[in-house]
Amino acid sequence: MEINDLLNRNYFKGCLDEVKTERGIMPVRFTEQQFTEFEKVDFYHPRIRCLAGVTLECNTSSEFIKFIFIVNGRIRDWFNFDIYLNGSFFKSMKYDPIIGEEHEFFLEMPAEAGKLKNVKVYFPQNLEMVINQFEVSDQAICNPVESSLRSLLCYGDSITQGMDALHPSLTYPAILARSLGMNLLNQGVGRHLFDAKVLDDALPYKPDVITVAYGTNDWGRCGNIEQLRKNCDEFYKNLSSYFPEAQIFALTPLWRKNWKEMKATGSFQDVAEVIKDVCSNFQGITVIDGLDLIPHQLHYFNDGVHPNDEGFSKMAENLSERILKAD
């Protein structure tokens, strides 16, 4: 299949656009305006170009799916593609890619003569890559999948981006989108915090539900509690005006092992109280206590801060329950 077919037929989900480069297609999660703001801070590259929440989806009779991918950047040392067939987990494929080199993705599927299979490939949330040379069996049917009627948009830091899940399909935004039956746009970026400037009022994506999960980085990096309040207020003021029809869910920070320390912004709970107080000034925002989403046990975290796959599953289950109750 030619690269232009991938571009024109909407096989990629979870992105705003697909950029054609010299080496292949790069799905992107942000607008040009957002990229401009993020690129003012070197640390956010390559995080802003990682494929968190991006999937390749099709209905196909093919016996296999094959493509070439080239890695331009990496954040973690583990990389998995997760594959779902007909809505159920099928397998995970682990790679150890080298930056700049071509790697082959080859998925052999169960032979079901004449039957269309719904295939969903989750890309690693911690790799920046381009995709090329997409192939299926000769004469096979391969059609894009229609989008869902409702859409989810997730803002946040490295936890929202999916660090440190081993499996991209087990980050909390991915699980939440499946649970709610929604399209997903994951705009989580590692180390990010409340920053109204990265919101784009011309975002070409209209969410029905928005989750916002900042605060844990603000706790350690804001100079004082009043600066945090100002940043938080500006963020929610813009967000509310840009998406007046959306249900907005503001998550206070998740439990972390050092949550009882004191920072320049005060206590961990002081940050949560600021978020709650700011959000009370806006209609349509529901605050969810992050301390209630994952049990306060290191078993559910990779490093005492970032949830592991089991921690994300707990988080998504509890978050989904609260969102459904609010409907």
C-alpha atoms as a PDB file:
ATOM      1  CA  MET A   1       0.000   0.000   0.000  1.00  0.00           C
ATOM      2  CA  GLU A   2       1.390   3.390  -0.956  1.00  0.00           C
ATOM      3  CA  ILE A   3       2.162   6.002   1.703  1.00  0.00           C
ATOM      4  CA  ASN A   4      -0.489   8.296   0.246  1.00  0.00           C
ATOM      5  CA  ASP A   5      -3.092   5.569   0.867  1.00  0.00           C
ATOM      6  CA  LEU A   6      -2.186   5.608   4.563  1.00  0.00           C
ATOM      7  CA  LEU A   7      -2.494   9.378   4.576  1.00  0.00           C
ATOM      8  CA  ASN A   8      -5.756   9.586   2.675  1.00  0.00           C
ATOM      9  CA  ARG A   9      -7.743   6.715   4.160  1.00  0.00           C
ATOM     10  CA  ASN A  10      -7.718   7.579   7.863  1.00  0.00           C
ATOM     11  CA  TYR A  11      -6.098   4.422   9.206  1.00  0.00           C
ATOM     12  CA  PHE A  12      -4.477   6.313  12.074  1.00  0.00           C
ATOM     13  CA  LYS A  13      -6.520   7.213  15.152  1.00  0.00           C
ATOM     14  CA  GLY A  14      -5.589   9.202  18.241  1.00  0.00           C
ATOM     15  CA  CYS A  15      -3.799  11.932  16.290  1.00  0.00           C
ATOM     16  CA  LEU A  16      -4.671  15.307  14.814  1.00  0.00           C
ATOM     17  CA  ASP A  17      -2.783  14.840  11.570  1.00  0.00           C
ATOM     18  CA  GLU A  18      -0.200  12.704   9.775  1.00  0.00           C
ATOM     19  CA  VAL A  19       2.907  14.512   8.548  1.00  0.00           C
ATOM     20  CA  LYS A  20       4.673  13.122   5.493  1.00  0.00           C
ATOM     21  CA  THR A  21       8.456  13.169   5.924  1.00  0.00           C
ATOM     22  CA  GLU A  22      11.321  11.918   3.766  1.00  0.00           C
ATOM     23  CA  ARG A  23      11.340   8.581   5.608  1.00  0.00           C
ATOM     24  CA  GLY A  24       7.645   8.001   6.221  1.00  0.00           C
ATOM     25  CA  ILE A  25       4.513   9.166   7.994  1.00  0.00           C
ATOM     26  CA  MET A  26       4.607  10.735  11.457  1.00  0.00           C
ATOM     27  CA  PRO A  27       1.244  10.941  13.272  1.00  0.00           C
ATOM     28  CA  VAL A  28       1.111  14.061  15.475  1.00  0.00           C
ATOM     29  CA  ARG A  29      -0.922  14.762  18.631  1.00  0.00           C
ATOM     30  CA  PHE A  30      -0.539  18.552  18.679  1.00  0.00           C
ATOM     31  CA  THR A  31      -1.247  21.559  16.481  1.00  0.00           C
ATOM     32  CA  GLU A  32       1.507  23.772  15.078  1.00  0.00           C
ATOM     33  CA  GLN A  33       0.667  26.388  17.700  1.00  0.00           C
ATOM     34  CA  GLN A  34       1.081  23.827  20.477  1.00  0.00           C
ATOM     35  CA  PHE A  35       4.365  22.548  19.038  1.00  0.00           C
ATOM     36  CA  THR A  36       5.669  26.131  18.957  1.00  0.00           C
ATOM     37  CA  GLU A  37       4.973  26.577  22.683  1.00  0.00           C
ATOM     38  CA  PHE A  38       6.353  23.189  23.725  1.00  0.00           C
ATOM     39  CA  GLU A  39       9.503  23.608  21.662  1.00  0.00           C
ATOM     40  CA  LYS A  40      10.503  26.606  23.767  1.00  0.00           C
ATOM     41  CA  VAL A  41      11.602  24.016  26.368  1.00  0.00           C
ATOM     42  CA  ASP A  42      14.187  21.494  25.125  1.00  0.00           C
ATOM     43  CA  PHE A  43      13.105  18.860  27.630  1.00  0.00           C
ATOM     44  CA  TYR A  44       9.749  18.350  25.911  1.00  0.00           C
ATOM     45  CA  HIS A  45      11.425  16.956  22.807  1.00  0.00           C
ATOM     46  CA  PRO A  46      10.960  14.079  21.888  1.00  0.00           C
ATOM     47  CA  ARG A  47       8.061  13.668  24.351  1.00  0.00           C
ATOM     48  CA  ILE A  48       5.722  15.849  22.263  1.00  0.00           C
ATOM     49  CA  ARG A  49       6.351  13.651  19.219  1.00  0.00           C
ATOM     50  CA  CYS A  50       5.871  10.287  20.925  1.00  0.00           C
ATOM     51  CA  LEU A  51       2.779   8.367  19.806  1.00  0.00           C
ATOM     52  CA  ALA A  52       0.908   8.172  23.111  1.00  0.00           C
ATOM     53  CA  GLY A  53      -2.660   7.072  22.396  1.00  0.00           C
ATOM     54  CA  VAL A  54      -2.049   6.695  18.646  1.00  0.00           C
ATOM     55  CA  THR A  55      -3.345   3.539  16.973  1.00  0.00           C
ATOM     56  CA  LEU A  56      -3.554   2.032  13.512  1.00  0.00           C
ATOM     57  CA  GLU A  57      -6.996   0.519  12.901  1.00  0.00           C
ATOM     58  CA  CYS A  58      -8.531  -1.366  10.011  1.00  0.00           C
ATOM     59  CA  ASN A  59     -11.077  -3.991   9.040  1.00  0.00           C
ATOM     60  CA  THR A  60      -9.208  -6.510   6.950  1.00  0.00           C
ATOM     61  CA  SER A  61      -9.297 -10.018   5.496  1.00  0.00           C
ATOM     62  CA  SER A  62      -5.509 -10.077   5.324  1.00  0.00           C
ATOM     63  CA  GLU A  63      -3.429 -12.863   6.832  1.00  0.00           C
ATOM     64  CA  PHE A  64      -0.828 -10.360   7.991  1.00  0.00           C
ATOM     65  CA  ILE A  65      -0.031  -6.699   8.527  1.00  0.00           C
ATOM     66  CA  LYS A  66       3.453  -5.428   7.877  1.00  0.00           C
ATOM     67  CA  PHE A  67       5.096  -2.028   8.007  1.00  0.00           C
ATOM     68  CA  ILE A  68       8.511  -0.468   8.477  1.00  0.00           C
ATOM     69  CA  PHE A  69       9.119   1.959  11.329  1.00  0.00           C
ATOM     70  CA  ILE A  70      12.071   4.234  12.013  1.00  0.00           C
ATOM     71  CA  VAL A  71      12.694   5.500  15.542  1.00  0.00           C
ATOM     72  CA  ASN A  72      13.721   9.151  15.834  1.00  0.00           C
ATOM     73  CA  GLY A  73      13.744   9.373  19.623  1.00  0.00           C
ATOM     74  CA  ARG A  74      13.050   7.377  22.787  1.00  0.00           C
ATOM     75  CA  ILE A  75      12.201   8.111  26.411  1.00  0.00           C
ATOM     76  CA  ARG A  76      12.208   4.662  28.015  1.00  0.00           C
ATOM     77  CA  ASP A  77      14.096   1.422  27.405  1.00  0.00           C
ATOM     78  CA  TRP A  78      11.039  -0.744  26.751  1.00  0.00           C
ATOM     79  CA  PHE A  79       8.832  -0.638  23.681  1.00  0.00           C
ATOM     80  CA  ASN A  80       5.746  -2.682  22.948  1.00  0.00           C
ATOM     81  CA  PHE A  81       3.116  -2.696  20.249  1.00  0.00           C
ATOM     82  CA  ASP A  82      -0.206  -4.043  21.560  1.00  0.00           C
ATOM     83  CA  ILE A  83      -2.637  -5.680  19.161  1.00  0.00           C
ATOM     84  CA  TYR A  84      -6.388  -6.106  19.635  1.00  0.00           C
ATOM     85  CA  LEU A  85      -8.460  -8.317  17.333  1.00  0.00           C
ATOM     86  CA  ASN A  86     -12.226  -7.821  17.215  1.00  0.00           C
ATOM     87  CA  GLY A  87     -12.108  -5.766  20.393  1.00  0.00           C
ATOM     88  CA  SER A  88     -10.078  -8.237  22.487  1.00  0.00           C
ATOM     89  CA  PHE A  89      -6.394  -8.310  23.374  1.00  0.00           C
ATOM     90  CA  PHE A  90      -4.510 -10.575  20.964  1.00  0.00           C
ATOM     91  CA  LYS A  91      -0.812 -10.136  21.632  1.00  0.00           C
ATOM     92  CA  SER A  92       1.978  -7.736  22.505  1.00  0.00           C
ATOM     93  CA  MET A  93       5.131  -7.404  20.413  1.00  0.00           C
ATOM     94  CA  LYS A  94       8.327  -6.219  22.112  1.00  0.00           C
ATOM     95  CA  TYR A  95      11.151  -4.477  20.264  1.00  0.00           C
ATOM     96  CA  ASP A  96      14.584  -3.095  21.051  1.00  0.00           C
ATOM     97  CA  PRO A  97      14.826  -0.506  18.274  1.00  0.00           C
ATOM     98  CA  ILE A  98      17.928   1.481  17.407  1.00  0.00           C
ATOM     99  CA  ILE A  99      17.473   5.187  16.724  1.00  0.00           C
ATOM    100  CA  GLY A 100      17.694   6.018  13.052  1.00  0.00           C
ATOM    101  CA  GLU A 101      17.480   2.447  11.748  1.00  0.00           C
ATOM    102  CA  GLU A 102      14.587   0.713   9.985  1.00  0.00           C
ATOM    103  CA  HIS A 103      12.687  -1.989  11.878  1.00  0.00           C
ATOM    104  CA  GLU A 104       9.990  -4.332  10.621  1.00  0.00           C
ATOM    105  CA  PHE A 105       6.627  -4.820  12.276  1.00  0.00           C
ATOM    106  CA  PHE A 106       5.092  -8.094  11.108  1.00  0.00           C
ATOM    107  CA  LEU A 107       1.807  -9.338  12.538  1.00  0.00           C
ATOM    108  CA  GLU A 108       0.535 -12.740  11.457  1.00  0.00           C
ATOM    109  CA  MET A 109      -3.159 -13.169  12.135  1.00  0.00           C
ATOM    110  CA  PRO A 110      -5.447 -16.193  12.486  1.00  0.00           C
ATOM    111  CA  ALA A 111      -6.610 -17.510   9.120  1.00  0.00           C
ATOM    112  CA  GLU A 112     -10.346 -16.912   8.738  1.00  0.00           C
ATOM    113  CA  ALA A 113     -11.144 -17.269   5.054  1.00  0.00           C
ATOM    114  CA  GLY A 114     -13.407 -14.530   3.788  1.00  0.00           C
ATOM    115  CA  LYS A 115     -13.924 -12.961   7.233  1.00  0.00           C
ATOM    116  CA  LEU A 116     -13.049  -9.390   8.079  1.00  0.00           C
ATOM    117  CA  LYS A 117     -11.090  -8.885  11.286  1.00  0.00           C
ATOM    118  CA  ASN A 118     -11.078  -5.632  13.214  1.00  0.00           C
ATOM    119  CA  VAL A 119      -7.414  -4.925  13.945  1.00  0.00           C
ATOM    120  CA  LYS A 120      -6.182  -2.252  16.321  1.00  0.00           C
ATOM    121  CA  VAL A 121      -2.452  -1.684  16.796  1.00  0.00           C
ATOM    122  CA  TYR A 122      -1.397   0.519  19.727  1.00  0.00           C
ATOM    123  CA  PHE A 123       1.917   2.287  19.103  1.00  0.00           C
ATOM    124  CA  PRO A 124       4.463   2.670  21.924  1.00  0.00           C
ATOM    125  CA  GLN A 125       3.735   5.756  24.005  1.00  0.00           C
ATOM    126  CA  ASN A 126       7.443   6.378  24.593  1.00  0.00           C
ATOM    127  CA  LEU A 127       8.829   6.403  21.035  1.00  0.00           C
ATOM    128  CA  GLU A 128       9.055   9.085  18.366  1.00  0.00           C
ATOM    129  CA  MET A 129       8.809   7.268  15.046  1.00  0.00           C
ATOM    130  CA  VAL A 130       7.758   7.370  11.417  1.00  0.00           C
ATOM    131  CA  ILE A 131       5.916   4.568   9.600  1.00  0.00           C
ATOM    132  CA  ASN A 132       6.494   3.390   6.050  1.00  0.00           C
ATOM    133  CA  GLN A 133       5.768   0.532   3.594  1.00  0.00           C
ATOM    134  CA  PHE A 134       2.419  -0.648   4.955  1.00  0.00           C
ATOM    135  CA  GLU A 135       1.516  -4.046   3.473  1.00  0.00           C
ATOM    136  CA  VAL A 136      -1.307  -6.611   3.631  1.00  0.00           C
ATOM    137  CA  SER A 137      -1.930  -9.864   1.735  1.00  0.00           C
ATOM    138  CA  ASP A 138      -2.460  -9.698  -2.017  1.00  0.00           C
ATOM    139  CA  GLN A 139      -6.108  -9.101  -2.908  1.00  0.00           C
ATOM    140  CA  ALA A 140      -7.028  -8.643   0.777  1.00  0.00           C
ATOM    141  CA  ILE A 141      -9.702  -6.179   1.827  1.00  0.00           C
ATOM    142  CA  CYS A 142      -8.338  -3.459   4.088  1.00  0.00           C
ATOM    143  CA  ASN A 143     -10.673  -0.636   5.091  1.00  0.00           C
ATOM    144  CA  PRO A 144     -10.332   2.104   7.710  1.00  0.00           C
ATOM    145  CA  VAL A 145     -12.519   2.001  10.811  1.00  0.00           C
ATOM    146  CA  GLU A 146     -15.190   4.617  11.466  1.00  0.00           C
ATOM    147  CA  SER A 147     -14.596   6.874  14.435  1.00  0.00           C
ATOM    148  CA  SER A 148     -16.782   6.693  17.537  1.00  0.00           C
ATOM    149  CA  LEU A 149     -19.552   9.225  18.014  1.00  0.00           C
ATOM    150  CA  ARG A 150     -18.030  10.666  21.201  1.00  0.00           C
ATOM    151  CA  SER A 151     -14.506  11.824  21.969  1.00  0.00           C
ATOM    152  CA  LEU A 152     -12.156  11.989  24.951  1.00  0.00           C
ATOM    153  CA  LEU A 153      -9.286  14.472  25.374  1.00  0.00           C
ATOM    154  CA  CYS A 154      -6.668  13.925  28.081  1.00  0.00           C
ATOM    155  CA  TYR A 155      -4.282  16.630  29.312  1.00  0.00           C
ATOM    156  CA  GLY A 156      -1.515  15.898  31.763  1.00  0.00           C
ATOM    157  CA  ASP A 157       2.113  15.078  32.431  1.00  0.00           C
ATOM    158  CA  SER A 158       4.166  11.878  32.154  1.00  0.00           C
ATOM    159  CA  ILE A 159       1.482   9.872  33.952  1.00  0.00           C
ATOM    160  CA  THR A 160      -1.060  10.833  31.301  1.00  0.00           C
ATOM    161  CA  GLN A 161       1.462  10.197  28.535  1.00  0.00           C
ATOM    162  CA  GLY A 162       1.728   6.680  29.947  1.00  0.00           C
ATOM    163  CA  MET A 163       5.034   6.473  31.753  1.00  0.00           C
ATOM    164  CA  ASP A 164       5.740   3.805  33.101  1.00  0.00           C
ATOM    165  CA  ALA A 165       3.262   1.377  31.562  1.00  0.00           C
ATOM    166  CA  LEU A 166       4.871  -1.564  29.810  1.00  0.00           C
ATOM    167  CA  HIS A 167       1.929  -1.800  27.431  1.00  0.00           C
ATOM    168  CA  PRO A 168       0.570   1.193  25.496  1.00  0.00           C
ATOM    169  CA  SER A 169      -2.960  -0.217  25.627  1.00  0.00           C
ATOM    170  CA  LEU A 170      -2.796  -0.189  29.445  1.00  0.00           C
ATOM    171  CA  THR A 171      -2.166   3.503  30.026  1.00  0.00           C
ATOM    172  CA  TYR A 172      -5.117   5.060  31.818  1.00  0.00           C
ATOM    173  CA  PRO A 173      -6.257   7.189  28.817  1.00  0.00           C
ATOM    174  CA  ALA A 174      -6.265   4.102  26.553  1.00  0.00           C
ATOM    175  CA  ILE A 175      -8.244   2.019  29.041  1.00  0.00           C
ATOM    176  CA  LEU A 176     -10.603   4.904  29.751  1.00  0.00           C
ATOM    177  CA  ALA A 177     -11.328   5.442  26.049  1.00  0.00           C
ATOM    178  CA  ARG A 178     -12.150   1.745  25.570  1.00  0.00           C
ATOM    179  CA  SER A 179     -14.316   1.694  28.686  1.00  0.00           C
ATOM    180  CA  LEU A 180     -16.282   4.769  27.604  1.00  0.00           C
ATOM    181  CA  GLY A 181     -16.408   3.773  23.919  1.00  0.00           C
ATOM    182  CA  MET A 182     -14.809   7.051  22.834  1.00  0.00           C
ATOM    183  CA  ASN A 183     -12.186   8.303  20.433  1.00  0.00           C
ATOM    184  CA  LEU A 184      -8.999   9.344  22.223  1.00  0.00           C
ATOM    185  CA  LEU A 185      -6.604  12.237  21.887  1.00  0.00           C
ATOM    186  CA  ASN A 186      -3.862  11.958  24.501  1.00  0.00           C
ATOM    187  CA  GLN A 187      -2.049  15.277  24.932  1.00  0.00           C
ATOM    188  CA  GLY A 188      -0.058  14.189  27.952  1.00  0.00           C
ATOM    189  CA  VAL A 189       3.581  15.316  27.961  1.00  0.00           C
ATOM    190  CA  GLY A 190       6.219  14.163  30.414  1.00  0.00           C
ATOM    191  CA  ARG A 191       7.211  16.760  33.039  1.00  0.00           C
ATOM    192  CA  HIS A 192       4.483  19.172  31.955  1.00  0.00           C
ATOM    193  CA  LEU A 193       2.455  21.302  34.375  1.00  0.00           C
ATOM    194  CA  PHE A 194      -0.357  23.888  34.287  1.00  0.00           C
ATOM    195  CA  ASP A 195       0.377  26.127  31.289  1.00  0.00           C
ATOM    196  CA  ALA A 196      -2.493  27.879  29.533  1.00  0.00           C
ATOM    197  CA  LYS A 197      -0.288  28.812  26.576  1.00  0.00           C
ATOM    198  CA  VAL A 198      -0.277  25.252  25.210  1.00  0.00           C
ATOM    199  CA  LEU A 199      -4.057  25.217  24.859  1.00  0.00           C
ATOM    200  CA  ASP A 200      -5.220  25.904  21.299  1.00  0.00           C
ATOM    201  CA  ASP A 201      -8.680  27.364  20.796  1.00  0.00           C
ATOM    202  CA  ALA A 202      -8.530  26.171  17.176  1.00  0.00           C
ATOM    203  CA  LEU A 203      -7.850  22.549  18.104  1.00  0.00           C
ATOM    204  CA  PRO A 204      -9.398  20.448  15.283  1.00  0.00           C
ATOM    205  CA  TYR A 205     -10.875  17.960  17.738  1.00  0.00           C
ATOM    206  CA  LYS A 206     -14.135  18.391  19.600  1.00  0.00           C
ATOM    207  CA  PRO A 207     -14.146  16.460  22.873  1.00  0.00           C
ATOM    208  CA  ASP A 208     -17.248  15.438  24.791  1.00  0.00           C
ATOM    209  CA  VAL A 209     -15.157  14.615  27.867  1.00  0.00           C
ATOM    210  CA  ILE A 210     -11.876  16.191  28.989  1.00  0.00           C
ATOM    211  CA  THR A 211      -9.652  14.956  31.802  1.00  0.00           C
ATOM    212  CA  VAL A 212      -6.924  17.161  33.269  1.00  0.00           C
ATOM    213  CA  ALA A 213      -4.235  15.628  35.480  1.00  0.00           C
ATOM    214  CA  TYR A 214      -1.627  18.193  36.545  1.00  0.00           C
ATOM    215  CA  GLY A 215      -0.306  19.140  39.944  1.00  0.00           C
ATOM    216  CA  THR A 216       2.365  16.633  40.876  1.00  0.00           C
ATOM    217  CA  ASN A 217       5.059  18.482  38.874  1.00  0.00           C
ATOM    218  CA  ASP A 218       3.673  21.885  39.906  1.00  0.00           C
ATOM    219  CA  TRP A 219       4.137  20.850  43.540  1.00  0.00           C
ATOM    220  CA  GLY A 220       7.894  20.600  43.108  1.00  0.00           C
ATOM    221  CA  ARG A 221       8.548  23.181  40.394  1.00  0.00           C
ATOM    222  CA  CYS A 222       6.291  26.183  41.084  1.00  0.00           C
ATOM    223  CA  GLY A 223       8.023  28.888  43.071  1.00  0.00           C
ATOM    224  CA  ASN A 224       5.128  29.341  45.493  1.00  0.00           C
ATOM    225  CA  ILE A 225       1.482  28.492  46.019  1.00  0.00           C
ATOM    226  CA  GLU A 226       0.209  31.770  44.558  1.00  0.00           C
ATOM    227  CA  GLN A 227       2.045  31.141  41.295  1.00  0.00           C
ATOM    228  CA  LEU A 228       0.457  27.711  41.186  1.00  0.00           C
ATOM    229  CA  ARG A 229      -2.972  29.246  41.758  1.00  0.00           C
ATOM    230  CA  LYS A 230      -2.405  31.773  38.949  1.00  0.00           C
ATOM    231  CA  ASN A 231      -1.251  29.074  36.494  1.00  0.00           C
ATOM    232  CA  CYS A 232      -4.132  26.787  37.429  1.00  0.00           C
ATOM    233  CA  ASP A 233      -6.719  29.560  37.110  1.00  0.00           C
ATOM    234  CA  GLU A 234      -5.438  30.674  33.682  1.00  0.00           C
ATOM    235  CA  PHE A 235      -5.460  27.095  32.441  1.00  0.00           C
ATOM    236  CA  TYR A 236      -9.042  26.330  33.479  1.00  0.00           C
ATOM    237  CA  LYS A 237     -10.287  29.735  32.359  1.00  0.00           C
ATOM    238  CA  ASN A 238      -8.991  29.100  28.844  1.00  0.00           C
ATOM    239  CA  LEU A 239     -10.033  25.462  28.807  1.00  0.00           C
ATOM    240  CA  SER A 240     -13.593  26.299  29.833  1.00  0.00           C
ATOM    241  CA  SER A 241     -13.917  29.001  27.198  1.00  0.00           C
ATOM    242  CA  TYR A 242     -12.402  26.876  24.403  1.00  0.00           C
ATOM    243  CA  PHE A 243     -14.596  23.828  25.102  1.00  0.00           C
ATOM    244  CA  PRO A 244     -17.849  25.142  26.617  1.00  0.00           C
ATOM    245  CA  GLU A 245     -19.842  22.028  25.681  1.00  0.00           C
ATOM    246  CA  ALA A 246     -17.432  19.465  27.131  1.00  0.00           C
ATOM    247  CA  GLN A 247     -17.612  17.761  30.512  1.00  0.00           C
ATOM    248  CA  ILE A 248     -14.339  18.590  32.252  1.00  0.00           C
ATOM    249  CA  PHE A 249     -12.897  16.397  34.993  1.00  0.00           C
ATOM    250  CA  ALA A 250     -10.056  17.888  37.042  1.00  0.00           C
ATOM    251  CA  LEU A 251      -7.926  15.268  38.787  1.00  0.00           C
ATOM    252  CA  THR A 252      -5.951  16.293  41.825  1.00  0.00           C
ATOM    253  CA  PRO A 253      -2.510  14.621  42.034  1.00  0.00           C
ATOM    254  CA  LEU A 254      -2.205  10.877  42.523  1.00  0.00           C
ATOM    255  CA  TRP A 255      -0.580   9.429  45.628  1.00  0.00           C
ATOM    256  CA  ARG A 256       3.216   9.239  45.454  1.00  0.00           C
ATOM    257  CA  LYS A 257       5.682   7.816  47.951  1.00  0.00           C
ATOM    258  CA  ASN A 258       7.041  11.228  49.063  1.00  0.00           C
ATOM    259  CA  TRP A 259       3.649  12.914  49.290  1.00  0.00           C
ATOM    260  CA  LYS A 260       4.205  13.990  52.906  1.00  0.00           C
ATOM    261  CA  GLU A 261       7.212  16.156  52.086  1.00  0.00           C
ATOM    262  CA  MET A 262       7.012  19.951  52.107  1.00  0.00           C
ATOM    263  CA  LYS A 263       7.919  21.958  48.998  1.00  0.00           C
ATOM    264  CA  ALA A 264       8.062  25.671  48.161  1.00  0.00           C
ATOM    265  CA  THR A 265       4.386  25.380  47.185  1.00  0.00           C
ATOM    266  CA  GLY A 266       3.523  23.835  50.551  1.00  0.00           C
ATOM    267  CA  SER A 267       2.182  20.367  51.192  1.00  0.00           C
ATOM    268  CA  PHE A 268       0.927  17.909  48.593  1.00  0.00           C
ATOM    269  CA  GLN A 269      -2.573  18.462  49.928  1.00  0.00           C
ATOM    270  CA  ASP A 270      -2.174  22.239  49.554  1.00  0.00           C
ATOM    271  CA  VAL A 271      -1.806  21.686  45.791  1.00  0.00           C
ATOM    272  CA  ALA A 272      -4.976  19.616  45.711  1.00  0.00           C
ATOM    273  CA  GLU A 273      -6.866  22.285  47.645  1.00  0.00           C
ATOM    274  CA  VAL A 274      -5.782  24.993  45.192  1.00  0.00           C
ATOM    275  CA  ILE A 275      -7.037  22.909  42.258  1.00  0.00           C
ATOM    276  CA  LYS A 276     -10.357  22.302  43.999  1.00  0.00           C
ATOM    277  CA  ASP A 277     -10.757  25.957  44.915  1.00  0.00           C
ATOM    278  CA  VAL A 278      -9.911  27.233  41.422  1.00  0.00           C
ATOM    279  CA  CYS A 279     -12.255  24.756  39.730  1.00  0.00           C
ATOM    280  CA  SER A 280     -15.144  25.781  41.989  1.00  0.00           C
ATOM    281  CA  ASN A 281     -15.202  29.088  40.106  1.00  0.00           C
ATOM    282  CA  PHE A 282     -16.079  27.450  36.777  1.00  0.00           C
ATOM    283  CA  GLN A 283     -19.246  25.688  35.689  1.00  0.00           C
ATOM    284  CA  GLY A 284     -18.985  22.267  34.109  1.00  0.00           C
ATOM    285  CA  ILE A 285     -15.853  21.154  35.963  1.00  0.00           C
ATOM    286  CA  THR A 286     -16.002  18.135  38.257  1.00  0.00           C
ATOM    287  CA  VAL A 287     -13.062  17.631  40.626  1.00  0.00           C
ATOM    288  CA  ILE A 288     -11.916  14.064  41.249  1.00  0.00           C
ATOM    289  CA  ASP A 289      -9.623  13.346  44.195  1.00  0.00           C
ATOM    290  CA  GLY A 290      -6.537  11.668  42.751  1.00  0.00           C
ATOM    291  CA  LEU A 291      -5.694  10.136  46.128  1.00  0.00           C
ATOM    292  CA  ASP A 292      -8.771   7.917  45.731  1.00  0.00           C
ATOM    293  CA  LEU A 293      -7.870   6.487  42.324  1.00  0.00           C
ATOM    294  CA  ILE A 294      -4.985   4.102  43.120  1.00  0.00           C
ATOM    295  CA  PRO A 295      -4.304   2.295  46.425  1.00  0.00           C
ATOM    296  CA  HIS A 296      -1.446   3.882  48.373  1.00  0.00           C
ATOM    297  CA  GLN A 297       0.878   0.922  47.911  1.00  0.00           C
ATOM    298  CA  LEU A 298       4.213   0.792  46.058  1.00  0.00           C
ATOM    299  CA  HIS A 299       2.996  -2.425  44.422  1.00  0.00           C
ATOM    300  CA  TYR A 300       0.959  -0.279  41.991  1.00  0.00           C
ATOM    301  CA  PHE A 301       3.843   2.039  41.031  1.00  0.00           C
ATOM    302  CA  ASN A 302       7.031   1.565  39.071  1.00  0.00           C
ATOM    303  CA  ASP A 303       9.117   4.126  40.932  1.00  0.00           C
ATOM    304  CA  GLY A 304       6.862   5.451  43.657  1.00  0.00           C
ATOM    305  CA  VAL A 305       5.505   8.146  41.314  1.00  0.00           C
ATOM    306  CA  HIS A 306       4.503   6.594  37.971  1.00  0.00           C
ATOM    307  CA  PRO A 307       1.854   3.852  38.053  1.00  0.00           C
ATOM    308  CA  ASN A 308       2.650   0.489  36.505  1.00  0.00           C
ATOM    309  CA  ASP A 309       0.169  -1.437  34.342  1.00  0.00           C
ATOM    310  CA  GLU A 310      -1.768  -2.656  37.360  1.00  0.00           C
ATOM    311  CA  GLY A 311      -1.842   0.820  38.876  1.00  0.00           C
ATOM    312  CA  PHE A 312      -3.121   2.311  35.621  1.00  0.00           C
ATOM    313  CA  SER A 313      -5.845  -0.322  35.454  1.00  0.00           C
ATOM    314  CA  LYS A 314      -7.016   0.611  38.956  1.00  0.00           C
ATOM    315  CA  MET A 315      -6.887   4.296  38.074  1.00  0.00           C
ATOM    316  CA  ALA A 316      -8.865   3.878  34.845  1.00  0.00           C
ATOM    317  CA  GLU A 317     -11.488   1.685  36.513  1.00  0.00           C
ATOM    318  CA  ASN A 318     -12.147   4.220  39.277  1.00  0.00           C
ATOM    319  CA  LEU A 319     -11.985   7.189  36.928  1.00  0.00           C
ATOM    320  CA  SER A 320     -14.429   5.593  34.492  1.00  0.00           C
ATOM    321  CA  GLU A 321     -16.865   4.919  37.317  1.00  0.00           C
ATOM    322  CA  ARG A 322     -16.801   8.555  38.410  1.00  0.00           C
ATOM    323  CA  ILE A 323     -17.211   9.890  34.880  1.00  0.00           C
ATOM    324  CA  LEU A 324     -20.162   7.602  34.171  1.00  0.00           C
ATOM    325  CA  LYS A 325     -21.830   8.673  37.429  1.00  0.00           C
ATOM    326  CA  ALA A 326     -21.481  12.317  36.391  1.00  0.00           C
ATOM    327  CA  ASP A 327     -23.297  11.763  33.054  1.00  0.00           C
END
